């Protein structure tokens, strides 16, 4: 498969994933933070409420660093 076809398929796949997340948010009011992975309740897709994202990312990096020999 050509690079162009691969890029198009990847983009379509990502769009489908985004639409699923948006549909789930509409039903549940929750959406995952793409930075830390935490699912948070929000009333708008424009901003997420405070949920200790920076601290969660730092803790994840520290855990990963401790696993790597």
N, C-alpha and C. Protein backbone atom coordinates (compact mmCIF):
# COMPACT_ATOMS: atom_id res chain seq x y z
N UNK A 1 0.84 -1.17 0.00
CA UNK A 1 0.00 0.00 0.00
C UNK A 1 0.89 1.24 0.00
N UNK A 2 0.51 2.23 -0.74
CA UNK A 2 1.32 3.44 -0.83
C UNK A 2 1.24 4.26 0.44
N UNK A 3 2.20 5.18 0.59
CA UNK A 3 2.21 6.07 1.76
C UNK A 3 0.95 6.93 1.81
N UNK A 4 0.51 7.37 0.66
CA UNK A 4 -0.69 8.21 0.61
C UNK A 4 -1.90 7.44 1.10
N UNK A 5 -2.06 6.23 0.62
CA UNK A 5 -3.20 5.42 1.04
C UNK A 5 -3.14 5.13 2.55
N UNK A 6 -1.95 4.87 3.05
CA UNK A 6 -1.79 4.60 4.48
C UNK A 6 -2.16 5.84 5.30
N UNK A 7 -1.71 7.00 4.86
CA UNK A 7 -2.04 8.24 5.57
C UNK A 7 -3.55 8.50 5.56
N UNK A 8 -4.20 8.25 4.43
CA UNK A 8 -5.64 8.45 4.33
C UNK A 8 -6.38 7.51 5.27
N UNK A 9 -5.98 6.23 5.29
CA UNK A 9 -6.62 5.26 6.17
C UNK A 9 -6.39 5.62 7.64
N UNK A 10 -5.19 6.06 7.98
CA UNK A 10 -4.90 6.47 9.35
C UNK A 10 -5.76 7.65 9.76
N UNK A 11 -5.92 8.62 8.86
CA UNK A 11 -6.73 9.80 9.15
C UNK A 11 -8.19 9.40 9.33
N UNK A 12 -8.71 8.53 8.47
CA UNK A 12 -10.10 8.10 8.58
C UNK A 12 -10.33 7.33 9.89
N UNK A 13 -9.35 6.52 10.25
CA UNK A 13 -9.45 5.76 11.50
C UNK A 13 -9.49 6.73 12.70
N UNK A 14 -8.63 7.74 12.70
CA UNK A 14 -8.61 8.70 13.79
C UNK A 14 -9.91 9.49 13.85
N UNK A 15 -10.46 9.85 12.70
CA UNK A 15 -11.73 10.56 12.68
C UNK A 15 -12.85 9.71 13.28
N UNK A 16 -12.84 8.41 12.97
CA UNK A 16 -13.85 7.51 13.52
C UNK A 16 -13.71 7.41 15.04
N UNK A 17 -12.47 7.33 15.53
CA UNK A 17 -12.25 7.28 16.97
C UNK A 17 -12.74 8.55 17.64
N UNK A 18 -12.46 9.69 17.03
CA UNK A 18 -12.91 10.98 17.58
C UNK A 18 -14.43 11.05 17.63
N UNK A 19 -15.08 10.57 16.57
CA UNK A 19 -16.55 10.58 16.55
C UNK A 19 -17.11 9.68 17.63
N UNK A 20 -16.48 8.52 17.88
CA UNK A 20 -16.94 7.63 18.94
C UNK A 20 -16.81 8.30 20.30
N UNK A 21 -15.69 8.98 20.54
CA UNK A 21 -15.51 9.68 21.81
C UNK A 21 -16.56 10.77 21.98
N UNK A 22 -16.84 11.49 20.91
CA UNK A 22 -17.83 12.56 20.98
C UNK A 22 -19.21 11.99 21.26
N UNK A 23 -19.55 10.88 20.62
CA UNK A 23 -20.84 10.23 20.85
C UNK A 23 -20.94 9.76 22.31
N UNK A 24 -19.86 9.15 22.81
CA UNK A 24 -19.86 8.69 24.20
C UNK A 24 -20.00 9.86 25.16
N UNK A 25 -19.33 10.99 24.88
CA UNK A 25 -19.44 12.17 25.72
C UNK A 25 -20.89 12.67 25.73
N UNK A 26 -21.51 12.67 24.59
CA UNK A 26 -22.89 13.15 24.50
C UNK A 26 -23.81 12.29 25.37
N UNK A 27 -23.57 10.97 25.39
CA UNK A 27 -24.39 10.05 26.19
C UNK A 27 -24.07 10.12 27.68
N UNK A 28 -22.78 10.20 28.03
CA UNK A 28 -22.36 10.04 29.43
C UNK A 28 -21.89 11.33 30.10
N UNK A 29 -21.49 12.32 29.31
CA UNK A 29 -20.93 13.54 29.88
C UNK A 29 -19.47 13.38 30.25
N UNK A 30 -18.86 12.26 29.89
CA UNK A 30 -17.45 12.01 30.21
C UNK A 30 -16.64 11.84 28.92
N UNK A 31 -15.38 12.26 29.00
CA UNK A 31 -14.48 12.12 27.85
C UNK A 31 -13.06 11.91 28.37
N UNK A 32 -12.27 11.08 27.68
CA UNK A 32 -10.90 10.86 28.15
C UNK A 32 -9.99 12.04 27.82
N UNK A 33 -9.09 12.36 28.75
CA UNK A 33 -8.05 13.36 28.51
C UNK A 33 -6.97 12.68 27.67
N UNK A 34 -6.62 13.26 26.54
CA UNK A 34 -5.63 12.64 25.67
C UNK A 34 -4.21 12.76 26.21
N UNK A 35 -4.00 13.64 27.19
CA UNK A 35 -2.68 13.81 27.76
C UNK A 35 -2.39 12.79 28.85
N UNK A 36 -3.35 12.56 29.75
CA UNK A 36 -3.08 11.68 30.89
C UNK A 36 -3.91 10.40 30.88
N UNK A 37 -4.97 10.34 30.05
CA UNK A 37 -5.76 9.13 29.96
C UNK A 37 -6.93 9.05 30.92
N UNK A 38 -7.07 10.01 31.81
CA UNK A 38 -8.15 10.00 32.78
C UNK A 38 -9.45 10.40 32.11
N UNK A 39 -10.53 9.69 32.45
CA UNK A 39 -11.84 10.06 31.95
C UNK A 39 -12.46 11.05 32.91
N UNK A 40 -12.84 12.21 32.40
CA UNK A 40 -13.38 13.28 33.24
C UNK A 40 -14.77 13.70 32.78
N UNK A 41 -15.56 14.16 33.72
CA UNK A 41 -16.90 14.67 33.41
C UNK A 41 -16.77 16.15 33.03
N UNK A 42 -17.41 16.53 31.93
CA UNK A 42 -17.35 17.91 31.46
C UNK A 42 -18.64 18.26 30.75
N UNK A 43 -18.95 19.53 30.72
CA UNK A 43 -20.16 19.99 30.04
C UNK A 43 -19.85 20.52 28.65
N UNK A 44 -18.58 20.65 28.32
CA UNK A 44 -18.19 21.17 27.00
C UNK A 44 -16.98 20.41 26.51
N UNK A 45 -16.85 20.29 25.22
CA UNK A 45 -15.68 19.62 24.65
C UNK A 45 -14.52 20.58 24.43
N UNK A 46 -14.73 21.86 24.72
CA UNK A 46 -13.69 22.85 24.48
C UNK A 46 -12.61 22.83 25.55
N UNK A 47 -13.00 22.63 26.80
CA UNK A 47 -12.03 22.58 27.89
C UNK A 47 -12.40 21.47 28.86
N UNK A 48 -11.38 20.95 29.53
CA UNK A 48 -11.61 19.94 30.56
C UNK A 48 -11.45 20.59 31.93
N UNK A 49 -12.19 20.10 32.92
CA UNK A 49 -12.03 20.65 34.26
C UNK A 49 -10.68 20.23 34.85
N UNK A 50 -10.22 20.90 35.89
CA UNK A 50 -8.96 20.50 36.53
C UNK A 50 -9.05 19.05 37.02
N UNK A 51 -8.04 18.25 36.69
CA UNK A 51 -8.04 16.84 37.11
C UNK A 51 -6.63 16.32 37.37
N UNK A 52 -5.73 17.21 37.79
CA UNK A 52 -4.35 16.84 38.13
C UNK A 52 -3.61 16.18 36.96
N UNK A 53 -3.85 16.67 35.79
CA UNK A 53 -3.26 16.10 34.58
C UNK A 53 -1.73 16.11 34.62
N UNK A 54 -1.15 17.23 35.00
CA UNK A 54 0.32 17.34 35.02
C UNK A 54 0.91 16.34 36.00
N UNK A 55 0.29 16.23 37.18
CA UNK A 55 0.78 15.30 38.19
C UNK A 55 0.65 13.85 37.73
N UNK A 56 -0.43 13.53 37.05
CA UNK A 56 -0.64 12.17 36.53
C UNK A 56 0.41 11.83 35.46
N UNK A 57 0.68 12.79 34.58
CA UNK A 57 1.69 12.55 33.55
C UNK A 57 3.07 12.35 34.16
N UNK A 58 3.40 13.16 35.17
CA UNK A 58 4.70 13.05 35.83
C UNK A 58 4.82 11.71 36.54
N UNK A 59 3.77 11.27 37.23
CA UNK A 59 3.79 9.98 37.92
C UNK A 59 3.95 8.84 36.92
N UNK A 60 3.28 8.93 35.77
CA UNK A 60 3.41 7.89 34.74
C UNK A 60 4.84 7.83 34.20
N UNK A 61 5.44 9.00 33.96
CA UNK A 61 6.83 9.02 33.46
C UNK A 61 7.77 8.42 34.50
N UNK A 62 7.54 8.72 35.77
CA UNK A 62 8.39 8.16 36.82
C UNK A 62 8.24 6.64 36.90
N UNK A 63 7.01 6.14 36.81
CA UNK A 63 6.79 4.69 36.83
C UNK A 63 7.50 4.02 35.66
N UNK A 64 7.37 4.63 34.47
CA UNK A 64 8.00 4.06 33.27
C UNK A 64 9.52 4.08 33.40
N UNK A 65 10.06 5.15 33.99
CA UNK A 65 11.52 5.25 34.16
C UNK A 65 12.02 4.19 35.14
N UNK A 66 11.23 3.89 36.16
CA UNK A 66 11.62 2.87 37.13
C UNK A 66 11.57 1.46 36.56
N UNK A 67 10.71 1.22 35.57
CA UNK A 67 10.60 -0.10 34.93
C UNK A 67 11.74 -0.35 33.96
N UNK A 68 12.24 0.70 33.34
CA UNK A 68 13.29 0.56 32.33
C UNK A 68 14.65 0.33 33.01
N UNK A 69 15.33 -0.78 32.67
CA UNK A 69 16.63 -1.04 33.31
C UNK A 69 17.72 -0.11 32.84
